[in-house]
N, C-alpha and C. Protein backbone atom coordinates (compact mmCIF):
# COMPACT_ATOMS: atom_id res chain seq x y z
N MET A 1 36.54 -66.25 12.77
CA MET A 1 37.20 -64.96 12.98
C MET A 1 37.41 -64.18 11.68
N ILE A 2 37.90 -64.88 10.63
CA ILE A 2 38.39 -64.20 9.43
C ILE A 2 37.70 -64.75 8.18
N SER A 3 37.32 -63.84 7.28
CA SER A 3 36.94 -64.20 5.92
C SER A 3 38.12 -63.86 5.02
N VAL A 4 38.62 -64.86 4.28
CA VAL A 4 39.72 -64.64 3.34
C VAL A 4 39.12 -64.38 1.96
N ILE A 5 39.54 -63.31 1.32
CA ILE A 5 39.01 -62.92 0.02
C ILE A 5 40.14 -62.92 -0.99
N ILE A 6 39.97 -63.71 -2.06
CA ILE A 6 41.01 -63.88 -3.07
C ILE A 6 40.41 -63.55 -4.44
N PRO A 7 40.84 -62.45 -5.09
CA PRO A 7 40.37 -62.16 -6.44
C PRO A 7 41.16 -62.98 -7.45
N THR A 8 40.49 -63.60 -8.41
CA THR A 8 41.17 -64.50 -9.33
C THR A 8 40.83 -64.21 -10.79
N LEU A 9 41.76 -64.58 -11.65
CA LEU A 9 41.55 -64.64 -13.09
C LEU A 9 42.58 -65.61 -13.65
N ASN A 10 42.14 -66.80 -14.03
CA ASN A 10 43.03 -67.84 -14.56
C ASN A 10 44.21 -68.09 -13.62
N ALA A 11 43.87 -68.46 -12.38
CA ALA A 11 44.88 -68.62 -11.33
C ALA A 11 45.12 -70.09 -10.98
N GLU A 12 44.85 -71.01 -11.90
CA GLU A 12 44.97 -72.43 -11.58
C GLU A 12 46.39 -72.83 -11.17
N ARG A 13 47.39 -72.11 -11.66
CA ARG A 13 48.78 -72.47 -11.38
C ARG A 13 49.21 -72.04 -9.98
N THR A 14 48.67 -70.94 -9.49
CA THR A 14 49.13 -70.39 -8.21
C THR A 14 48.16 -70.63 -7.05
N LEU A 15 46.89 -70.84 -7.34
CA LEU A 15 45.88 -70.92 -6.28
C LEU A 15 46.08 -72.09 -5.31
N PRO A 16 46.46 -73.29 -5.76
CA PRO A 16 46.65 -74.39 -4.79
C PRO A 16 47.68 -74.05 -3.72
N ARG A 17 48.75 -73.40 -4.09
CA ARG A 17 49.79 -73.00 -3.13
C ARG A 17 49.22 -72.03 -2.10
N CYS A 18 48.39 -71.10 -2.54
CA CYS A 18 47.74 -70.15 -1.64
C CYS A 18 46.81 -70.89 -0.68
N PHE A 19 45.99 -71.80 -1.21
CA PHE A 19 45.07 -72.58 -0.38
C PHE A 19 45.82 -73.40 0.67
N ASP A 20 46.92 -74.01 0.27
CA ASP A 20 47.69 -74.84 1.20
C ASP A 20 48.10 -74.06 2.44
N SER A 21 48.42 -72.77 2.26
CA SER A 21 48.88 -71.98 3.40
C SER A 21 47.75 -71.60 4.35
N LEU A 22 46.49 -71.86 3.96
CA LEU A 22 45.34 -71.52 4.78
C LEU A 22 44.77 -72.71 5.55
N ILE A 23 45.23 -73.92 5.22
CA ILE A 23 44.61 -75.13 5.78
C ILE A 23 44.70 -75.18 7.30
N ALA A 24 45.88 -74.96 7.85
CA ALA A 24 46.04 -75.05 9.31
C ALA A 24 45.16 -74.03 10.03
N ALA A 25 45.06 -72.82 9.48
CA ALA A 25 44.23 -71.79 10.10
C ALA A 25 42.76 -72.15 10.02
N ALA A 26 42.35 -72.80 8.94
CA ALA A 26 40.95 -73.22 8.81
C ALA A 26 40.63 -74.35 9.81
N VAL A 27 41.56 -75.27 9.98
CA VAL A 27 41.35 -76.37 10.93
C VAL A 27 41.21 -75.83 12.35
N ARG A 28 41.99 -74.81 12.68
CA ARG A 28 41.96 -74.24 14.02
C ARG A 28 40.78 -73.28 14.22
N GLY A 29 40.08 -72.94 13.15
CA GLY A 29 38.94 -72.05 13.27
C GLY A 29 39.28 -70.58 13.15
N VAL A 30 40.53 -70.26 12.85
CA VAL A 30 40.91 -68.86 12.66
C VAL A 30 40.31 -68.34 11.36
N VAL A 31 40.39 -69.14 10.31
CA VAL A 31 39.75 -68.80 9.04
C VAL A 31 38.38 -69.48 9.00
N LYS A 32 37.33 -68.68 8.86
CA LYS A 32 35.96 -69.20 8.86
C LYS A 32 35.45 -69.46 7.45
N GLU A 33 35.91 -68.70 6.47
CA GLU A 33 35.47 -68.90 5.09
C GLU A 33 36.53 -68.34 4.14
N VAL A 34 36.58 -68.94 2.95
CA VAL A 34 37.45 -68.46 1.88
C VAL A 34 36.56 -68.14 0.69
N ILE A 35 36.67 -66.91 0.21
CA ILE A 35 35.83 -66.44 -0.89
C ILE A 35 36.70 -66.19 -2.12
N ILE A 36 36.36 -66.86 -3.20
CA ILE A 36 37.02 -66.63 -4.49
C ILE A 36 36.13 -65.72 -5.31
N ALA A 37 36.60 -64.53 -5.61
CA ALA A 37 35.86 -63.58 -6.44
C ALA A 37 36.51 -63.60 -7.82
N ASP A 38 35.88 -64.28 -8.75
CA ASP A 38 36.51 -64.57 -10.04
C ASP A 38 36.01 -63.64 -11.14
N SER A 39 36.96 -63.17 -11.94
CA SER A 39 36.67 -62.22 -13.01
C SER A 39 36.55 -62.88 -14.38
N GLY A 40 36.12 -64.14 -14.42
CA GLY A 40 35.89 -64.79 -15.69
C GLY A 40 36.96 -65.76 -16.13
N SER A 41 37.46 -66.58 -15.22
CA SER A 41 38.53 -67.53 -15.54
C SER A 41 38.05 -68.54 -16.59
N SER A 42 38.98 -68.89 -17.49
CA SER A 42 38.69 -69.90 -18.50
C SER A 42 39.48 -71.18 -18.25
N ASP A 43 40.21 -71.23 -17.14
CA ASP A 43 41.00 -72.43 -16.81
C ASP A 43 40.30 -73.16 -15.65
N ALA A 44 41.06 -73.90 -14.86
CA ALA A 44 40.48 -74.72 -13.79
C ALA A 44 40.38 -74.00 -12.45
N THR A 45 40.46 -72.69 -12.44
CA THR A 45 40.42 -71.94 -11.18
C THR A 45 39.19 -72.27 -10.35
N LEU A 46 38.01 -72.24 -10.93
CA LEU A 46 36.77 -72.47 -10.18
C LEU A 46 36.66 -73.91 -9.72
N ALA A 47 37.16 -74.85 -10.51
CA ALA A 47 37.15 -76.25 -10.09
C ALA A 47 38.06 -76.45 -8.89
N ILE A 48 39.21 -75.81 -8.88
CA ILE A 48 40.13 -75.90 -7.74
C ILE A 48 39.49 -75.29 -6.50
N ALA A 49 38.82 -74.16 -6.67
CA ALA A 49 38.15 -73.52 -5.53
C ALA A 49 37.05 -74.41 -4.98
N ASP A 50 36.29 -75.04 -5.85
CA ASP A 50 35.21 -75.93 -5.41
C ASP A 50 35.76 -77.14 -4.65
N ALA A 51 36.85 -77.71 -5.17
CA ALA A 51 37.46 -78.88 -4.52
C ALA A 51 38.00 -78.52 -3.14
N ALA A 52 38.42 -77.26 -2.96
CA ALA A 52 38.97 -76.82 -1.67
C ALA A 52 37.89 -76.38 -0.70
N GLY A 53 36.64 -76.36 -1.15
CA GLY A 53 35.55 -75.95 -0.26
C GLY A 53 35.40 -74.45 -0.15
N ALA A 54 36.00 -73.71 -1.08
CA ALA A 54 35.88 -72.25 -1.05
C ALA A 54 34.55 -71.82 -1.67
N ARG A 55 34.12 -70.66 -1.29
CA ARG A 55 32.89 -70.07 -1.84
C ARG A 55 33.28 -69.23 -3.06
N ALA A 56 32.70 -69.52 -4.20
CA ALA A 56 33.06 -68.81 -5.43
C ALA A 56 31.92 -67.91 -5.88
N LEU A 57 32.28 -66.72 -6.37
CA LEU A 57 31.28 -65.82 -6.91
C LEU A 57 31.84 -65.10 -8.12
N ALA A 58 30.98 -64.65 -8.99
CA ALA A 58 31.39 -63.94 -10.20
C ALA A 58 31.58 -62.47 -9.88
N ALA A 59 32.70 -61.92 -10.35
CA ALA A 59 33.01 -60.50 -10.14
C ALA A 59 33.21 -59.83 -11.49
N GLY A 60 33.24 -58.53 -11.50
CA GLY A 60 33.49 -57.79 -12.72
C GLY A 60 34.94 -57.87 -13.14
N LYS A 61 35.28 -57.16 -14.16
CA LYS A 61 36.63 -57.17 -14.70
C LYS A 61 37.59 -56.40 -13.80
N GLY A 62 38.76 -56.98 -13.56
CA GLY A 62 39.78 -56.28 -12.79
C GLY A 62 39.87 -56.75 -11.35
N ARG A 63 41.07 -56.61 -10.78
CA ARG A 63 41.30 -57.07 -9.40
C ARG A 63 40.47 -56.30 -8.39
N SER A 64 40.33 -55.00 -8.58
CA SER A 64 39.55 -54.21 -7.61
C SER A 64 38.10 -54.68 -7.58
N ALA A 65 37.54 -55.08 -8.73
CA ALA A 65 36.16 -55.57 -8.76
C ALA A 65 36.01 -56.83 -7.93
N GLY A 66 37.01 -57.72 -7.98
CA GLY A 66 36.98 -58.93 -7.18
C GLY A 66 37.07 -58.63 -5.70
N LEU A 67 37.94 -57.73 -5.32
CA LEU A 67 38.10 -57.37 -3.92
C LEU A 67 36.82 -56.76 -3.36
N ILE A 68 36.19 -55.89 -4.14
CA ILE A 68 34.95 -55.25 -3.72
C ILE A 68 33.82 -56.28 -3.57
N ALA A 69 33.71 -57.14 -4.57
CA ALA A 69 32.64 -58.15 -4.55
C ALA A 69 32.82 -59.13 -3.39
N GLY A 70 34.03 -59.57 -3.14
CA GLY A 70 34.27 -60.50 -2.04
C GLY A 70 33.97 -59.90 -0.69
N ALA A 71 34.37 -58.66 -0.48
CA ALA A 71 34.11 -57.99 0.80
C ALA A 71 32.63 -57.81 1.04
N ALA A 72 31.86 -57.61 -0.03
CA ALA A 72 30.42 -57.35 0.11
C ALA A 72 29.66 -58.54 0.65
N VAL A 73 30.16 -59.75 0.43
CA VAL A 73 29.43 -60.95 0.89
C VAL A 73 30.11 -61.63 2.09
N ALA A 74 31.25 -61.12 2.53
CA ALA A 74 31.98 -61.74 3.65
C ALA A 74 31.15 -61.66 4.93
N ARG A 75 31.21 -62.74 5.72
CA ARG A 75 30.36 -62.84 6.90
C ARG A 75 31.11 -62.65 8.21
N SER A 76 32.43 -62.60 8.17
CA SER A 76 33.22 -62.48 9.41
C SER A 76 33.47 -61.02 9.78
N ASP A 77 33.90 -60.81 11.02
CA ASP A 77 34.19 -59.45 11.49
C ASP A 77 35.54 -58.95 10.99
N TRP A 78 36.39 -59.88 10.53
CA TRP A 78 37.71 -59.51 10.00
C TRP A 78 37.83 -60.01 8.56
N LEU A 79 38.44 -59.19 7.72
CA LEU A 79 38.66 -59.52 6.31
C LEU A 79 40.17 -59.65 6.05
N LEU A 80 40.55 -60.70 5.35
CA LEU A 80 41.93 -60.88 4.93
C LEU A 80 41.96 -60.96 3.41
N PHE A 81 42.51 -59.94 2.78
CA PHE A 81 42.61 -59.89 1.33
C PHE A 81 43.96 -60.48 0.90
N LEU A 82 43.92 -61.47 0.02
CA LEU A 82 45.13 -62.12 -0.46
C LEU A 82 45.11 -62.21 -1.98
N HIS A 83 46.28 -62.12 -2.59
CA HIS A 83 46.41 -62.41 -4.01
C HIS A 83 46.59 -63.92 -4.19
N PRO A 84 46.14 -64.48 -5.29
CA PRO A 84 46.26 -65.94 -5.48
C PRO A 84 47.69 -66.43 -5.57
N GLU A 85 48.63 -65.54 -5.92
CA GLU A 85 50.04 -65.94 -6.02
C GLU A 85 50.78 -65.79 -4.70
N THR A 86 50.05 -65.45 -3.64
CA THR A 86 50.64 -65.24 -2.32
C THR A 86 50.34 -66.42 -1.41
N ALA A 87 51.38 -66.92 -0.72
CA ALA A 87 51.20 -67.97 0.28
C ALA A 87 51.76 -67.46 1.61
N LEU A 88 51.01 -67.59 2.66
CA LEU A 88 51.47 -67.15 3.99
C LEU A 88 52.30 -68.26 4.62
N GLU A 89 53.39 -67.85 5.28
CA GLU A 89 54.30 -68.85 5.81
C GLU A 89 53.69 -69.59 6.99
N GLN A 90 54.18 -70.79 7.24
CA GLN A 90 53.67 -71.65 8.31
C GLN A 90 53.73 -70.93 9.65
N GLY A 91 52.65 -70.98 10.40
CA GLY A 91 52.58 -70.35 11.72
C GLY A 91 51.99 -68.96 11.71
N TRP A 92 51.64 -68.45 10.53
CA TRP A 92 51.11 -67.09 10.45
C TRP A 92 49.84 -66.94 11.29
N ASP A 93 49.04 -68.00 11.36
CA ASP A 93 47.77 -67.91 12.06
C ASP A 93 47.94 -67.71 13.56
N ASN A 94 49.06 -68.20 14.13
CA ASN A 94 49.31 -67.97 15.56
C ASN A 94 49.52 -66.49 15.83
N GLU A 95 50.31 -65.84 14.98
CA GLU A 95 50.55 -64.41 15.17
C GLU A 95 49.28 -63.60 14.95
N VAL A 96 48.52 -63.96 13.93
CA VAL A 96 47.28 -63.24 13.65
C VAL A 96 46.28 -63.42 14.78
N GLU A 97 46.18 -64.63 15.33
CA GLU A 97 45.27 -64.85 16.45
C GLU A 97 45.64 -63.97 17.63
N SER A 98 46.94 -63.84 17.89
CA SER A 98 47.40 -62.96 18.97
C SER A 98 47.05 -61.51 18.68
N PHE A 99 47.21 -61.10 17.43
CA PHE A 99 46.87 -59.74 17.02
C PHE A 99 45.38 -59.46 17.23
N LEU A 100 44.54 -60.42 16.85
CA LEU A 100 43.09 -60.23 16.99
C LEU A 100 42.69 -60.18 18.46
N THR A 101 43.35 -61.00 19.29
CA THR A 101 43.04 -61.02 20.71
C THR A 101 43.34 -59.68 21.37
N GLN A 102 44.40 -59.02 20.90
CA GLN A 102 44.81 -57.76 21.51
C GLN A 102 44.15 -56.54 20.85
N ALA A 103 43.36 -56.76 19.80
CA ALA A 103 42.74 -55.64 19.09
C ALA A 103 41.77 -54.89 20.01
N MET A 104 41.80 -53.56 19.90
CA MET A 104 40.93 -52.71 20.71
C MET A 104 39.84 -52.11 19.82
N PRO A 105 38.58 -52.44 20.08
CA PRO A 105 37.49 -51.94 19.24
C PRO A 105 37.44 -50.42 19.13
N GLU A 106 37.86 -49.74 20.18
CA GLU A 106 37.80 -48.27 20.15
C GLU A 106 38.94 -47.67 19.31
N ARG A 107 39.94 -48.49 18.98
CA ARG A 107 41.04 -48.00 18.14
C ARG A 107 41.38 -49.07 17.11
N PRO A 108 40.54 -49.26 16.10
CA PRO A 108 40.74 -50.35 15.13
C PRO A 108 42.01 -50.16 14.31
N GLU A 109 42.71 -51.27 14.08
CA GLU A 109 43.93 -51.25 13.29
C GLU A 109 43.87 -52.36 12.23
N ALA A 110 44.60 -52.14 11.16
CA ALA A 110 44.77 -53.15 10.12
C ALA A 110 46.20 -53.69 10.20
N ALA A 111 46.48 -54.76 9.47
CA ALA A 111 47.82 -55.36 9.52
C ALA A 111 48.20 -55.91 8.17
N VAL A 112 49.51 -55.93 7.91
CA VAL A 112 50.05 -56.54 6.69
C VAL A 112 51.18 -57.48 7.07
N PHE A 113 51.47 -58.43 6.18
CA PHE A 113 52.56 -59.36 6.41
C PHE A 113 53.85 -58.82 5.81
N ARG A 114 54.95 -59.47 6.14
CA ARG A 114 56.26 -59.07 5.63
C ARG A 114 56.47 -59.63 4.22
N PHE A 115 56.83 -58.79 3.29
CA PHE A 115 56.97 -59.20 1.89
C PHE A 115 58.19 -60.08 1.70
N ALA A 116 58.03 -61.20 0.97
CA ALA A 116 59.14 -62.10 0.69
C ALA A 116 58.89 -62.75 -0.67
N LEU A 117 59.96 -63.20 -1.29
CA LEU A 117 59.90 -63.93 -2.56
C LEU A 117 60.46 -65.33 -2.35
N GLU A 118 59.86 -66.30 -3.01
CA GLU A 118 60.30 -67.69 -2.81
C GLU A 118 61.58 -68.01 -3.57
N GLU A 119 61.95 -67.18 -4.54
CA GLU A 119 63.16 -67.45 -5.31
C GLU A 119 64.42 -67.15 -4.50
N PHE A 120 65.51 -67.83 -4.87
CA PHE A 120 66.81 -67.54 -4.31
C PHE A 120 67.53 -66.54 -5.22
N GLY A 121 68.61 -65.99 -4.75
CA GLY A 121 69.40 -65.12 -5.62
C GLY A 121 69.31 -63.66 -5.24
N ALA A 122 70.24 -62.89 -5.78
CA ALA A 122 70.38 -61.48 -5.43
C ALA A 122 69.19 -60.64 -5.88
N ASN A 123 68.62 -60.95 -7.03
CA ASN A 123 67.49 -60.16 -7.53
C ASN A 123 66.31 -60.21 -6.57
N ALA A 124 66.03 -61.39 -6.05
CA ALA A 124 64.92 -61.54 -5.11
C ALA A 124 65.19 -60.77 -3.82
N ARG A 125 66.43 -60.83 -3.33
CA ARG A 125 66.74 -60.13 -2.09
C ARG A 125 66.70 -58.61 -2.29
N ARG A 126 67.11 -58.14 -3.46
CA ARG A 126 67.02 -56.71 -3.74
C ARG A 126 65.56 -56.25 -3.81
N ALA A 127 64.73 -57.06 -4.41
CA ALA A 127 63.31 -56.72 -4.49
C ALA A 127 62.69 -56.66 -3.10
N GLU A 128 63.07 -57.57 -2.22
CA GLU A 128 62.56 -57.55 -0.85
C GLU A 128 63.02 -56.30 -0.12
N ALA A 129 64.29 -55.92 -0.35
CA ALA A 129 64.82 -54.73 0.31
C ALA A 129 64.09 -53.47 -0.16
N LYS A 130 63.79 -53.39 -1.45
CA LYS A 130 63.07 -52.23 -1.98
C LYS A 130 61.65 -52.18 -1.43
N ALA A 131 61.03 -53.35 -1.29
CA ALA A 131 59.69 -53.40 -0.72
C ALA A 131 59.69 -52.93 0.73
N ALA A 132 60.72 -53.34 1.48
CA ALA A 132 60.85 -52.91 2.87
C ALA A 132 61.07 -51.40 2.94
N LEU A 133 61.87 -50.86 2.01
CA LEU A 133 62.14 -49.42 1.97
C LEU A 133 60.85 -48.65 1.69
N ARG A 134 60.08 -49.14 0.73
CA ARG A 134 58.80 -48.50 0.41
C ARG A 134 57.88 -48.50 1.62
N GLY A 135 57.82 -49.62 2.35
CA GLY A 135 56.96 -49.69 3.52
C GLY A 135 57.41 -48.77 4.63
N TRP A 136 58.73 -48.68 4.82
CA TRP A 136 59.28 -47.85 5.90
C TRP A 136 59.13 -46.36 5.60
N LEU A 137 59.45 -45.96 4.37
CA LEU A 137 59.41 -44.55 4.02
C LEU A 137 58.00 -44.03 3.79
N LEU A 138 57.20 -44.82 3.08
CA LEU A 138 55.92 -44.32 2.59
C LEU A 138 54.71 -44.97 3.26
N ALA A 139 54.94 -46.02 4.07
CA ALA A 139 53.83 -46.76 4.69
C ALA A 139 52.83 -47.23 3.64
N LEU A 140 53.36 -47.74 2.50
CA LEU A 140 52.53 -48.24 1.41
C LEU A 140 52.98 -49.65 1.05
N PRO A 141 52.55 -50.64 1.80
CA PRO A 141 52.92 -52.02 1.46
C PRO A 141 52.25 -52.46 0.16
N TYR A 142 52.78 -53.51 -0.44
CA TYR A 142 52.19 -54.08 -1.64
C TYR A 142 50.92 -54.86 -1.32
N GLY A 143 50.05 -54.98 -2.32
CA GLY A 143 48.91 -55.87 -2.18
C GLY A 143 49.35 -57.31 -1.98
N ASP A 144 50.56 -57.65 -2.47
CA ASP A 144 51.12 -58.99 -2.31
C ASP A 144 51.42 -59.34 -0.85
N GLN A 145 51.37 -58.34 0.03
CA GLN A 145 51.65 -58.59 1.44
C GLN A 145 50.39 -58.94 2.22
N GLY A 146 49.26 -59.00 1.54
CA GLY A 146 48.01 -59.27 2.22
C GLY A 146 47.56 -58.06 3.02
N LEU A 147 46.28 -58.01 3.32
CA LEU A 147 45.75 -56.94 4.17
C LEU A 147 44.69 -57.54 5.08
N LEU A 148 44.91 -57.45 6.38
CA LEU A 148 43.98 -57.91 7.40
C LEU A 148 43.35 -56.68 8.04
N ILE A 149 42.02 -56.57 7.96
CA ILE A 149 41.38 -55.34 8.41
C ILE A 149 40.01 -55.65 9.03
N PRO A 150 39.65 -54.97 10.12
CA PRO A 150 38.30 -55.17 10.67
C PRO A 150 37.26 -54.73 9.63
N LYS A 151 36.20 -55.48 9.51
CA LYS A 151 35.19 -55.16 8.50
C LYS A 151 34.59 -53.77 8.73
N ARG A 152 34.41 -53.40 9.99
CA ARG A 152 33.80 -52.10 10.24
C ARG A 152 34.73 -50.95 9.88
N LEU A 153 36.04 -51.14 10.01
CA LEU A 153 36.98 -50.12 9.57
C LEU A 153 37.00 -50.05 8.04
N TYR A 154 36.99 -51.22 7.40
CA TYR A 154 36.95 -51.27 5.94
C TYR A 154 35.72 -50.51 5.42
N THR A 155 34.57 -50.75 6.06
CA THR A 155 33.34 -50.08 5.63
C THR A 155 33.41 -48.59 5.89
N ARG A 156 33.94 -48.21 7.05
CA ARG A 156 34.03 -46.80 7.40
C ARG A 156 34.90 -46.01 6.40
N LEU A 157 35.95 -46.67 5.92
CA LEU A 157 36.87 -46.01 4.98
C LEU A 157 36.36 -46.01 3.54
N GLY A 158 35.26 -46.72 3.29
CA GLY A 158 34.73 -46.78 1.94
C GLY A 158 35.24 -47.94 1.12
N GLY A 159 36.06 -48.81 1.74
CA GLY A 159 36.56 -50.01 1.07
C GLY A 159 37.43 -49.74 -0.14
N TYR A 160 37.64 -50.78 -0.93
CA TYR A 160 38.39 -50.62 -2.16
C TYR A 160 37.57 -49.80 -3.15
N ARG A 161 38.29 -49.04 -3.98
CA ARG A 161 37.64 -48.28 -5.04
C ARG A 161 37.87 -48.97 -6.37
N ALA A 162 36.99 -48.73 -7.30
CA ALA A 162 37.06 -49.39 -8.61
C ALA A 162 38.11 -48.72 -9.49
N LEU A 163 39.39 -49.00 -9.17
CA LEU A 163 40.51 -48.45 -9.92
C LEU A 163 41.12 -49.54 -10.79
N GLU A 164 41.70 -49.14 -11.91
CA GLU A 164 42.34 -50.11 -12.80
C GLU A 164 43.63 -50.64 -12.20
N LYS A 165 44.35 -49.81 -11.44
CA LYS A 165 45.61 -50.21 -10.84
C LYS A 165 45.77 -49.51 -9.49
N MET A 166 46.66 -50.06 -8.66
CA MET A 166 47.05 -49.47 -7.38
C MET A 166 45.89 -49.29 -6.41
N GLU A 167 44.88 -50.17 -6.52
CA GLU A 167 43.77 -50.11 -5.59
C GLU A 167 44.22 -50.42 -4.16
N ASP A 168 45.29 -51.23 -4.05
CA ASP A 168 45.82 -51.57 -2.73
C ASP A 168 46.45 -50.36 -2.05
N ALA A 169 47.26 -49.61 -2.79
CA ALA A 169 47.89 -48.42 -2.23
C ALA A 169 46.84 -47.36 -1.87
N ASP A 170 45.80 -47.28 -2.66
CA ASP A 170 44.74 -46.30 -2.41
C ASP A 170 44.07 -46.55 -1.07
N LEU A 171 43.76 -47.83 -0.78
CA LEU A 171 43.10 -48.15 0.50
C LEU A 171 44.07 -48.00 1.66
N VAL A 172 45.30 -48.45 1.50
CA VAL A 172 46.27 -48.36 2.60
C VAL A 172 46.55 -46.91 2.96
N ARG A 173 46.54 -46.03 1.95
CA ARG A 173 46.76 -44.61 2.24
C ARG A 173 45.64 -44.07 3.11
N ARG A 174 44.41 -44.54 2.90
CA ARG A 174 43.29 -44.09 3.73
C ARG A 174 43.33 -44.71 5.13
N ILE A 175 43.90 -45.89 5.24
CA ILE A 175 44.08 -46.50 6.57
C ILE A 175 45.05 -45.66 7.40
N GLY A 176 46.17 -45.28 6.77
CA GLY A 176 47.13 -44.41 7.44
C GLY A 176 48.19 -45.18 8.20
N ARG A 177 49.36 -44.59 8.33
CA ARG A 177 50.50 -45.22 8.99
C ARG A 177 50.20 -45.62 10.43
N ARG A 178 49.49 -44.78 11.16
CA ARG A 178 49.27 -45.03 12.59
C ARG A 178 48.32 -46.19 12.85
N ARG A 179 47.52 -46.55 11.85
CA ARG A 179 46.58 -47.65 12.05
C ARG A 179 47.02 -48.93 11.32
N LEU A 180 48.27 -48.96 10.88
CA LEU A 180 48.75 -50.10 10.11
C LEU A 180 49.88 -50.81 10.86
N VAL A 181 49.63 -52.06 11.23
CA VAL A 181 50.60 -52.88 11.97
C VAL A 181 51.33 -53.79 10.98
N LYS A 182 52.64 -53.90 11.15
CA LYS A 182 53.44 -54.79 10.31
C LYS A 182 53.71 -56.07 11.10
N LEU A 183 53.18 -57.17 10.62
CA LEU A 183 53.36 -58.46 11.28
C LEU A 183 54.73 -59.05 10.95
N ARG A 184 55.20 -59.99 11.77
CA ARG A 184 56.49 -60.63 11.52
C ARG A 184 56.38 -61.73 10.47
N ALA A 185 55.24 -62.40 10.41
CA ALA A 185 55.07 -63.50 9.46
C ALA A 185 55.18 -63.00 8.02
N ARG A 186 55.67 -63.86 7.14
CA ARG A 186 55.92 -63.45 5.76
C ARG A 186 54.79 -63.87 4.82
N ALA A 187 54.55 -63.02 3.85
CA ALA A 187 53.72 -63.36 2.69
C ALA A 187 54.69 -63.66 1.56
N ILE A 188 54.75 -64.93 1.16
CA ILE A 188 55.78 -65.38 0.21
C ILE A 188 55.19 -65.42 -1.20
N ASN A 189 55.80 -64.66 -2.09
CA ASN A 189 55.30 -64.51 -3.45
C ASN A 189 56.26 -65.09 -4.47
N GLN A 190 55.76 -65.26 -5.67
CA GLN A 190 56.57 -65.70 -6.78
C GLN A 190 57.11 -64.49 -7.54
N MET A 191 58.19 -64.70 -8.27
CA MET A 191 58.88 -63.60 -8.94
C MET A 191 58.28 -63.34 -10.33
N GLY A 192 57.05 -63.82 -10.56
CA GLY A 192 56.45 -63.74 -11.89
C GLY A 192 56.30 -62.33 -12.42
N ARG A 193 56.06 -61.36 -11.54
CA ARG A 193 55.97 -59.98 -12.03
C ARG A 193 57.07 -59.16 -11.37
N ARG A 194 57.27 -57.96 -11.86
CA ARG A 194 58.38 -57.14 -11.37
C ARG A 194 58.01 -56.53 -10.03
N HIS A 195 58.74 -56.95 -8.99
CA HIS A 195 58.52 -56.42 -7.65
C HIS A 195 59.64 -55.43 -7.30
N GLY A 196 59.26 -54.41 -6.53
CA GLY A 196 60.26 -53.53 -5.95
C GLY A 196 61.03 -52.70 -6.96
N THR A 197 60.42 -52.36 -8.11
CA THR A 197 61.14 -51.55 -9.09
C THR A 197 61.18 -50.10 -8.62
N TRP A 198 62.17 -49.36 -9.13
CA TRP A 198 62.27 -47.94 -8.78
C TRP A 198 61.07 -47.17 -9.34
N ARG A 199 60.53 -47.63 -10.48
CA ARG A 199 59.33 -46.99 -11.02
C ARG A 199 58.17 -47.14 -10.04
N GLY A 200 58.06 -48.34 -9.45
CA GLY A 200 57.01 -48.56 -8.46
C GLY A 200 57.18 -47.65 -7.24
N LEU A 201 58.43 -47.47 -6.82
CA LEU A 201 58.68 -46.58 -5.68
C LEU A 201 58.30 -45.13 -6.02
N TRP A 202 58.57 -44.73 -7.26
CA TRP A 202 58.22 -43.36 -7.69
C TRP A 202 56.71 -43.17 -7.67
N LEU A 203 55.97 -44.14 -8.19
CA LEU A 203 54.51 -44.04 -8.18
C LEU A 203 53.97 -44.07 -6.75
N SER A 204 54.63 -44.84 -5.89
CA SER A 204 54.23 -44.87 -4.48
C SER A 204 54.45 -43.52 -3.82
N LEU A 205 55.53 -42.84 -4.21
CA LEU A 205 55.80 -41.51 -3.67
C LEU A 205 54.70 -40.54 -4.07
N LEU A 206 54.23 -40.64 -5.31
CA LEU A 206 53.12 -39.78 -5.75
C LEU A 206 51.88 -40.05 -4.90
N HIS A 207 51.63 -41.32 -4.58
CA HIS A 207 50.52 -41.67 -3.70
C HIS A 207 50.70 -41.02 -2.34
N ALA A 208 51.92 -41.09 -1.81
CA ALA A 208 52.19 -40.53 -0.48
C ALA A 208 52.02 -39.02 -0.47
N LEU A 209 52.20 -38.38 -1.63
CA LEU A 209 52.02 -36.94 -1.74
C LEU A 209 50.57 -36.57 -2.02
N HIS A 210 49.70 -37.57 -1.96
CA HIS A 210 48.25 -37.39 -2.11
C HIS A 210 47.84 -36.94 -3.51
N ILE A 211 48.63 -37.35 -4.52
CA ILE A 211 48.17 -37.20 -5.88
C ILE A 211 46.98 -38.14 -6.06
N PRO A 212 45.89 -37.69 -6.70
CA PRO A 212 44.69 -38.55 -6.82
C PRO A 212 45.01 -39.93 -7.37
N SER A 213 44.37 -40.95 -6.80
CA SER A 213 44.67 -42.34 -7.16
C SER A 213 44.44 -42.61 -8.64
N ARG A 214 43.42 -42.03 -9.23
CA ARG A 214 43.15 -42.27 -10.65
C ARG A 214 44.27 -41.70 -11.54
N VAL A 215 44.88 -40.60 -11.10
CA VAL A 215 46.01 -40.03 -11.85
C VAL A 215 47.22 -40.95 -11.78
N VAL A 216 47.50 -41.45 -10.56
CA VAL A 216 48.63 -42.35 -10.38
C VAL A 216 48.43 -43.62 -11.20
N ALA A 217 47.19 -44.14 -11.21
CA ALA A 217 46.90 -45.37 -11.97
C ALA A 217 47.17 -45.16 -13.47
N ARG A 218 46.80 -43.99 -13.99
CA ARG A 218 47.04 -43.71 -15.41
C ARG A 218 48.54 -43.63 -15.70
N LEU A 219 49.30 -43.03 -14.78
CA LEU A 219 50.75 -42.95 -14.95
C LEU A 219 51.39 -44.33 -14.94
């Protein structure tokens, strides 16, 4: 059913956790292949991918290059884009299977997971609240929430663009609020980078106002 595409660069520390969250779905046949699009890792990322049975390929520099390269070779009708630091919570595949079963070819929709952080404490909960606010107001979820999209819709929209930053927001904006479903299952991330900052919300607002993506990326 699904090709999972994970862009990587020196992700040996986070990738096993991401892989672990895909095992049950692979056993059940929901996930048909996992593609690692690597931008030149110098650590054990590729060895970990090989041990897990994932398909690895060389991609250009930057996350968008990995996403583009992975989508180009994916063989399934559905694409699931994940960051290596993201792990989907147990049972996510049941909800996704139900979503796929109810999908209507004449009205294709994409889906994202609910953003969550694995850390405890007030900072993590505030970041989750800001992410939820961004999604509700602007319909611009983070790339950390994963993106599940029919391959034909991805192709019709032109896929990811070769942007230095905010390639996820650029594609989601083209998908549009009406074609984006918010799943109940969580995408659980680590607090390694700054999530849910007010600066991020401001840049997301510029995206929502249709300021060109390349301008927003430079800002």
